[in-house]
Protein backbone atom coordinates (compact mmCIF):
# COMPACT_ATOMS: atom_id res chain seq x y z
CA MET A 1 -6.51 52.84 7.01
CA PRO A 2 -5.62 55.11 10.00
CA LYS A 3 -1.92 54.28 9.50
CA PHE A 4 -2.23 54.99 5.79
CA LEU A 5 -3.93 58.34 6.44
CA LYS A 6 -1.28 59.22 9.02
CA PHE A 7 1.44 58.40 6.51
CA ILE A 8 -0.22 60.57 3.85
CA CYS A 9 -0.59 63.44 6.33
CA PHE A 10 3.05 63.45 7.43
CA LEU A 11 4.33 62.89 3.91
CA ALA A 12 2.25 65.86 2.75
CA ILE A 13 3.89 68.00 5.43
CA GLY A 14 7.33 66.91 4.25
CA LEU A 15 6.58 67.53 0.59
CA GLY A 16 5.01 70.86 1.53
CA LEU A 17 8.28 71.92 3.16
CA VAL A 18 10.20 70.86 0.04
CA TRP A 19 7.83 73.01 -2.04
CA LEU A 20 8.14 75.90 0.43
CA VAL A 21 11.90 75.98 -0.01
CA THR A 22 12.04 75.39 -3.77
CA HIS A 23 9.00 77.05 -5.37
CA ASN A 24 10.48 80.56 -5.41
CA LEU A 25 13.99 79.55 -6.46
CA THR A 26 15.37 81.29 -9.49
CA ASP A 27 17.01 79.33 -12.30
CA LYS A 28 20.41 80.42 -10.99
CA GLU A 29 19.62 79.19 -7.47
CA LYS A 30 18.47 75.84 -8.84
CA ASP A 31 21.70 75.62 -10.84
CA ASP A 32 23.66 76.42 -7.66
CA ILE A 33 21.98 73.55 -5.81
CA PHE A 34 22.66 71.03 -8.59
CA ASN A 35 26.20 72.36 -8.90
CA SER A 36 26.79 71.79 -5.18
CA LEU A 37 25.40 68.27 -5.44
CA GLU A 38 27.51 67.57 -8.53
CA HIS A 39 30.81 68.68 -7.00
CA ALA A 40 30.39 67.02 -3.60
CA ASN A 41 32.89 64.28 -2.73
CA TYR A 42 30.60 61.34 -2.04
CA TRP A 43 33.50 58.99 -1.22
CA LEU A 44 33.90 60.93 2.02
CA LEU A 45 30.40 59.78 3.01
CA ILE A 46 31.71 56.22 3.46
CA PRO A 47 33.09 57.00 6.96
CA VAL A 48 29.74 58.62 7.77
CA ILE A 49 27.90 55.43 6.84
CA ILE A 50 30.35 53.23 8.79
CA VAL A 51 29.92 55.34 11.91
CA GLY A 52 26.15 55.27 11.37
CA ILE A 53 26.08 51.47 11.28
CA ALA A 54 28.20 51.36 14.45
CA SER A 55 25.78 53.70 16.24
CA HIS A 56 22.86 51.40 15.38
CA TRP A 57 24.84 48.36 16.58
CA TYR A 58 25.51 49.96 19.96
CA ARG A 59 21.86 50.95 20.18
CA ALA A 60 21.03 47.25 19.88
CA VAL A 61 23.63 46.38 22.55
CA ARG A 62 22.18 49.03 24.88
CA TRP A 63 18.65 47.72 24.33
CA LYS A 64 19.81 44.26 25.41
CA LEU A 65 21.03 45.69 28.72
CA ILE A 66 17.49 46.85 29.56
CA MET A 67 16.09 43.36 28.93
CA GLU A 68 18.58 41.56 31.21
CA PRO A 69 16.95 42.50 34.57
CA MET A 70 13.77 40.74 33.36
CA GLY A 71 15.74 37.55 32.66
CA TYR A 72 15.90 37.85 28.87
CA HIS A 73 19.12 37.59 26.85
CA PRO A 74 18.36 37.94 23.12
CA SER A 75 21.11 37.61 20.55
CA THR A 76 22.81 40.83 19.53
CA LEU A 77 22.28 40.08 15.84
CA ASN A 78 18.53 39.65 16.24
CA THR A 79 18.34 42.85 18.27
CA PHE A 80 20.42 44.75 15.70
CA PHE A 81 18.34 43.46 12.79
CA ALA A 82 15.16 44.44 14.66
CA VAL A 83 16.51 47.97 15.22
CA MET A 84 17.33 48.36 11.53
CA VAL A 85 13.94 47.05 10.38
CA GLY A 86 12.40 49.51 12.83
CA TYR A 87 14.25 52.39 11.21
CA LEU A 88 13.07 51.09 7.83
CA ALA A 89 9.45 51.20 9.06
CA ASN A 90 9.98 54.76 10.33
CA LEU A 91 10.61 55.85 6.73
CA ALA A 92 6.94 55.11 6.10
CA VAL A 93 5.27 56.27 9.32
CA PRO A 94 7.04 58.12 12.15
CA ARG A 95 7.36 55.98 15.32
CA LEU A 96 5.92 52.89 13.60
CA GLY A 97 9.38 51.39 13.78
CA GLU A 98 9.35 51.34 17.58
CA VAL A 99 6.44 48.89 17.57
CA THR A 100 7.89 46.96 14.65
CA ARG A 101 11.21 46.22 16.33
CA CYS A 102 9.46 45.07 19.50
CA GLY A 103 7.34 42.67 17.45
CA ILE A 104 10.40 41.25 15.69
CA VAL A 105 12.29 40.54 18.92
CA ALA A 106 9.12 39.05 20.44
CA ARG A 107 8.76 36.75 17.44
CA TYR A 108 12.31 35.43 17.32
CA GLU A 109 13.36 35.63 20.98
CA LYS A 110 10.05 34.68 22.66
CA ILE A 111 9.96 37.79 24.84
CA PRO A 112 6.52 39.23 25.76
CA VAL A 113 5.69 42.19 23.53
CA ASP A 114 4.36 44.36 26.37
CA LYS A 115 7.65 44.10 28.26
CA LEU A 116 9.57 45.02 25.12
CA VAL A 117 7.35 48.06 24.63
CA GLY A 118 8.23 49.10 28.17
CA THR A 119 11.97 48.79 27.48
CA MET A 120 11.52 50.77 24.26
CA ILE A 121 9.70 53.56 26.15
CA ALA A 122 12.48 53.66 28.75
CA GLU A 123 15.15 53.76 26.04
CA ARG A 124 13.42 56.55 24.13
CA ALA A 125 12.94 58.54 27.34
CA VAL A 126 16.70 58.44 27.90
CA ASP A 127 17.35 59.53 24.30
CA MET A 128 14.88 62.39 24.63
CA LEU A 129 16.57 63.50 27.86
CA LEU A 130 19.98 63.47 26.16
CA LEU A 131 18.56 65.38 23.18
CA LEU A 132 17.14 68.05 25.49
CA ILE A 133 20.44 68.29 27.39
CA LEU A 134 22.38 68.68 24.15
CA MET A 135 19.84 71.23 22.95
CA VAL A 136 20.35 73.34 26.07
CA ILE A 137 24.15 73.03 25.78
CA THR A 138 24.00 74.04 22.11
CA VAL A 139 21.98 77.16 22.87
CA VAL A 140 24.07 78.13 25.91
CA ILE A 141 27.50 77.81 24.28
CA GLN A 142 26.27 79.58 21.13
CA ILE A 143 23.73 81.97 22.57
CA ASP A 144 24.73 84.67 20.08
CA VAL A 145 24.15 82.37 17.08
CA ILE A 146 21.72 79.57 17.90
CA GLY A 147 19.98 81.61 20.60
CA GLY A 148 18.77 84.08 17.99
CA LEU A 149 17.62 81.26 15.69
CA PHE A 150 15.76 79.59 18.54
CA VAL A 151 14.01 82.82 19.55
CA ALA A 152 13.08 83.75 15.98
CA GLU A 153 11.95 80.33 14.73
CA ILE A 154 10.53 78.69 17.87
CA TRP A 155 9.91 81.02 20.78
CA HIS A 156 8.34 83.97 18.94
CA PRO A 157 5.83 81.84 16.98
CA ILE A 158 4.75 80.13 20.22
CA GLU A 159 4.54 83.47 22.02
CA ASN A 160 2.45 85.00 19.22
CA LYS A 161 0.02 82.08 19.19
CA LEU A 162 -0.41 82.26 22.94
CA GLY A 163 -0.89 86.02 22.75
CA ASN A 164 -3.50 85.72 20.01
CA ALA A 165 -5.48 83.09 21.85
CA GLY A 166 -8.37 84.79 23.63
CA SER A 167 -9.40 84.00 27.20
CA ALA A 168 -12.63 82.37 25.98
CA ARG A 169 -10.73 80.00 23.72
CA SER A 170 -8.31 79.15 26.55
CA LEU A 171 -11.21 78.33 28.87
CA ILE A 172 -12.79 76.11 26.20
CA ILE A 173 -9.52 74.19 25.77
CA ILE A 174 -9.09 73.75 29.52
CA GLY A 175 -12.71 72.64 29.88
CA ALA A 176 -12.34 70.14 27.05
CA LEU A 177 -9.25 68.67 28.72
CA VAL A 178 -11.05 68.33 32.05
CA ILE A 179 -14.04 66.62 30.39
CA PHE A 180 -11.72 64.27 28.50
CA ILE A 181 -9.90 63.27 31.70
CA LEU A 182 -13.20 62.68 33.52
CA LEU A 183 -14.64 60.60 30.67
CA THR A 184 -11.45 58.54 30.49
CA TYR A 185 -11.62 57.87 34.23
CA ILE A 186 -15.32 56.88 34.06
CA VAL A 187 -14.79 54.55 31.09
CA PHE A 188 -11.82 52.92 32.82
CA ARG A 189 -13.86 52.36 35.97
CA LEU A 190 -16.70 50.80 33.97
CA ILE A 191 -14.50 48.33 32.10
CA SER A 192 -11.94 47.69 34.86
CA ARG A 193 -13.59 44.41 35.92
CA SER A 194 -14.40 43.22 32.41
CA LYS A 195 -12.19 40.90 30.34
CA ILE A 196 -10.98 43.88 28.31
CA GLY A 197 -10.12 45.78 31.50
CA ILE A 198 -8.17 42.81 32.87
CA LYS A 199 -6.21 42.54 29.63
CA ILE A 200 -5.48 46.28 29.67
CA ARG A 201 -4.20 46.06 33.26
CA ALA A 202 -2.03 43.07 32.33
CA LEU A 203 -0.65 44.96 29.36
CA ALA A 204 0.04 48.03 31.51
CA HIS A 205 1.76 45.84 34.09
CA GLY A 206 4.03 44.31 31.44
CA VAL A 207 4.89 47.74 30.03
CA TRP A 208 5.68 48.98 33.53
CA ASP A 209 7.99 45.98 34.07
CA GLY A 210 9.90 47.00 30.95
CA ILE A 211 10.18 50.63 32.06
CA ARG A 212 11.19 49.65 35.59
CA SER A 213 13.96 47.37 34.28
CA ILE A 214 16.12 50.41 33.52
CA GLY A 215 16.41 51.06 37.26
CA GLN A 216 17.17 47.41 38.02
CA MET A 217 20.15 47.07 35.70
CA GLU A 218 23.39 45.83 37.20
CA LYS A 219 25.35 47.42 34.35
CA LYS A 220 24.08 50.99 34.72
CA GLY A 221 27.54 52.34 33.93
CA TRP A 222 27.62 50.52 30.60
CA PHE A 223 24.11 51.75 29.81
CA ILE A 224 25.17 55.36 30.39
CA PHE A 225 28.36 54.78 28.39
CA TYR A 226 26.50 53.36 25.40
CA SER A 227 23.90 56.15 25.55
CA ILE A 228 26.61 58.81 25.38
CA LEU A 229 28.55 56.84 22.76
CA ILE A 230 25.50 56.65 20.46
CA TRP A 231 25.07 60.42 20.48
CA MET A 232 28.83 60.96 20.04
CA MET A 233 28.61 58.84 16.91
CA TYR A 234 25.65 60.86 15.64
CA PHE A 235 27.77 63.96 16.21
CA ALA A 236 30.75 62.39 14.40
CA MET A 237 28.52 61.56 11.43
CA MET A 238 27.53 65.19 11.07
CA TYR A 239 31.05 66.55 11.53
CA LEU A 240 32.51 64.09 9.01
CA GLY A 241 29.70 64.98 6.61
CA PHE A 242 30.96 68.57 6.45
CA TYR A 243 34.06 67.38 4.58
CA CYS A 244 32.13 66.16 1.54
CA MET A 245 31.59 69.76 0.38
CA GLU A 246 34.18 72.51 -0.02
CA GLU A 247 31.72 75.11 1.26
CA THR A 248 31.16 73.33 4.60
CA ARG A 249 34.65 72.04 5.42
CA TYR A 250 35.52 75.14 7.43
CA LEU A 251 32.58 74.61 9.80
CA GLY A 252 33.61 73.51 13.27
CA LEU A 253 32.36 71.36 16.11
CA LYS A 254 29.77 73.90 17.30
CA ALA A 255 28.12 74.01 13.88
CA ALA A 256 28.05 70.20 13.74
CA LEU A 257 26.37 70.07 17.14
CA ALA A 258 23.77 72.66 16.11
CA VAL A 259 22.95 70.87 12.84
CA LEU A 260 22.71 67.54 14.68
CA ILE A 261 20.28 68.81 17.30
CA ILE A 262 18.03 70.87 15.05
CA GLY A 263 18.15 68.27 12.26
CA SER A 264 17.05 65.60 14.77
CA VAL A 265 13.80 67.51 15.22
CA GLY A 266 13.21 67.29 11.46
CA MET A 267 13.76 63.51 11.51
CA ILE A 268 10.95 63.21 14.06
CA VAL A 269 8.39 65.45 12.35
CA THR A 270 7.93 63.76 8.95
CA PRO A 271 8.44 60.22 7.57
CA GLY A 272 12.21 59.73 7.49
CA GLY A 273 12.62 63.49 7.89
CA THR A 274 11.58 64.14 4.27
CA GLY A 275 11.42 67.89 3.69
CA ALA A 276 11.64 68.90 7.35
CA TYR A 277 15.23 67.72 7.79
CA GLN A 278 16.52 69.54 4.70
CA PHE A 279 14.62 72.71 5.64
CA LEU A 280 15.93 72.82 9.23
CA VAL A 281 19.50 71.98 8.21
CA GLN A 282 19.38 74.75 5.62
CA ARG A 283 18.12 77.30 8.15
CA THR A 284 20.80 76.27 10.64
CA LEU A 285 23.72 76.38 8.21
CA MET A 286 22.64 79.78 6.91
CA VAL A 287 23.21 81.12 10.43
CA TYR A 288 26.86 80.05 10.06
CA GLY A 289 27.23 81.93 6.77
CA VAL A 290 26.65 79.08 4.34
CA LEU A 291 24.84 80.10 1.14
CA ASP A 292 21.19 79.04 1.24
CA THR A 293 21.40 76.89 -1.89
CA THR A 294 24.57 75.15 -0.65
CA ALA A 295 23.00 74.60 2.76
CA TYR A 296 19.94 73.04 1.16
CA ALA A 297 22.10 70.77 -1.00
CA PHE A 298 24.07 69.67 2.08
CA GLY A 299 20.83 68.76 3.85
CA TRP A 300 19.87 66.52 0.94
CA ILE A 301 23.31 64.87 0.84
CA VAL A 302 23.36 63.98 4.54
CA TRP A 303 19.70 62.90 4.50
CA SER A 304 20.29 60.74 1.44
CA ALA A 305 23.30 59.03 3.06
CA GLN A 306 21.32 58.22 6.20
CA THR A 307 18.29 57.05 4.24
CA LEU A 308 20.40 54.89 1.93
CA LEU A 309 22.01 53.27 4.98
CA VAL A 310 18.61 52.44 6.46
CA LEU A 311 17.24 51.12 3.15
CA ILE A 312 20.19 48.82 2.45
CA VAL A 313 20.83 47.53 5.98
CA GLY A 314 17.11 47.48 6.84
CA LEU A 315 16.16 45.43 3.79
CA GLY A 316 19.18 43.20 4.38
CA SER A 317 18.00 42.68 7.96
CA LEU A 318 14.55 41.65 6.74
CA ILE A 319 16.19 38.97 4.60
CA ALA A 320 18.68 37.88 7.27
CA LEU A 321 16.20 37.50 10.14
CA PRO A 322 14.35 34.38 8.89
CA LEU A 323 17.63 32.84 7.72
CA LEU A 324 19.31 33.38 11.08
CA ASN A 325 16.29 32.05 12.95
CA LYS A 326 15.14 29.29 10.59
CA ASP A 327 15.07 26.76 13.45
CA LYS A 328 12.84 28.94 15.62
CA ALA A 329 9.04 29.11 15.45
CA GLN A 330 8.14 32.51 14.08
CA THR A 331 5.31 33.38 16.44
CA PRO A 332 5.27 36.09 19.09
CA SER A 333 5.55 35.10 22.73
CA SER A 334 2.20 34.01 24.12
CA ASP A 335 2.92 34.95 27.72
CA ALA A 336 2.60 38.68 27.11
CA GLY A 337 1.49 40.48 30.21
CA GLN A 338 2.83 37.84 32.64
CA THR A 339 5.61 38.57 35.04
CA THR A 340 8.86 36.68 34.90
């Protein structure tokens, strides 16, 4: 039920953004959007999809590198299928896919789930760091374009909210945080010697082993290479996507980088980026002089291509996993929480 409610909440946000963009459109603007969608060259999305599949493959290869210091060597196919099923789960509930892919690899490769969760956290931390670095680079090299968008859409709203928050409200928030931290510490102390506390410590230890493995890799250079390669492929997908519409073909590398970074935020906010991705891509492309209706149509085209890729390959992975592993017992590893 909590997962269902979370899904409904995020989906409502996405649909609300779709409504926000479309409810005031005139008949002409709606016709412009459908006209842009009708005249797009969808054959040119094939290279986008191919590059997208390659990026997911190398994500699976990179994930394997983090597992090696712990003594685990899963098959690349199982890891790739798990990654794709994870993306499929993310279409329903944001971040659900991260847990799903760990469970799949644990089931078919007999690797403790807690250690896999640790490797996933380490991997996502690296991706977040790269996203932040690219975000800073995007703003710096286009301070006159993206800088203004960032200030208007992100910084000013935050500044206004902080300015409107009274001192009493700030003190209440700080006090609530302090009380929460103290209660958490007291509860942990009370249960630390119980069976539940022992299991929690074992779980935390396994997760820490997974996180620590990133610093114990012998192939750190390959890990860095694959990390950069994945984001280069994401960038290539966006740049190649520009060529499917006449109105966006003139856009250059800087515009592709900006759409990639800001669109990535939309993919995180709502299930599969529904609503948020199209809205943020539209706002970004408008800064580069693209008509608002065309920009909105482009957001739907790129989102649809990515979503179609995940649906087809993700569902195919669900079918392929039991067939590929028909000789293996399909139960998660029972030694979760133990060191190797």
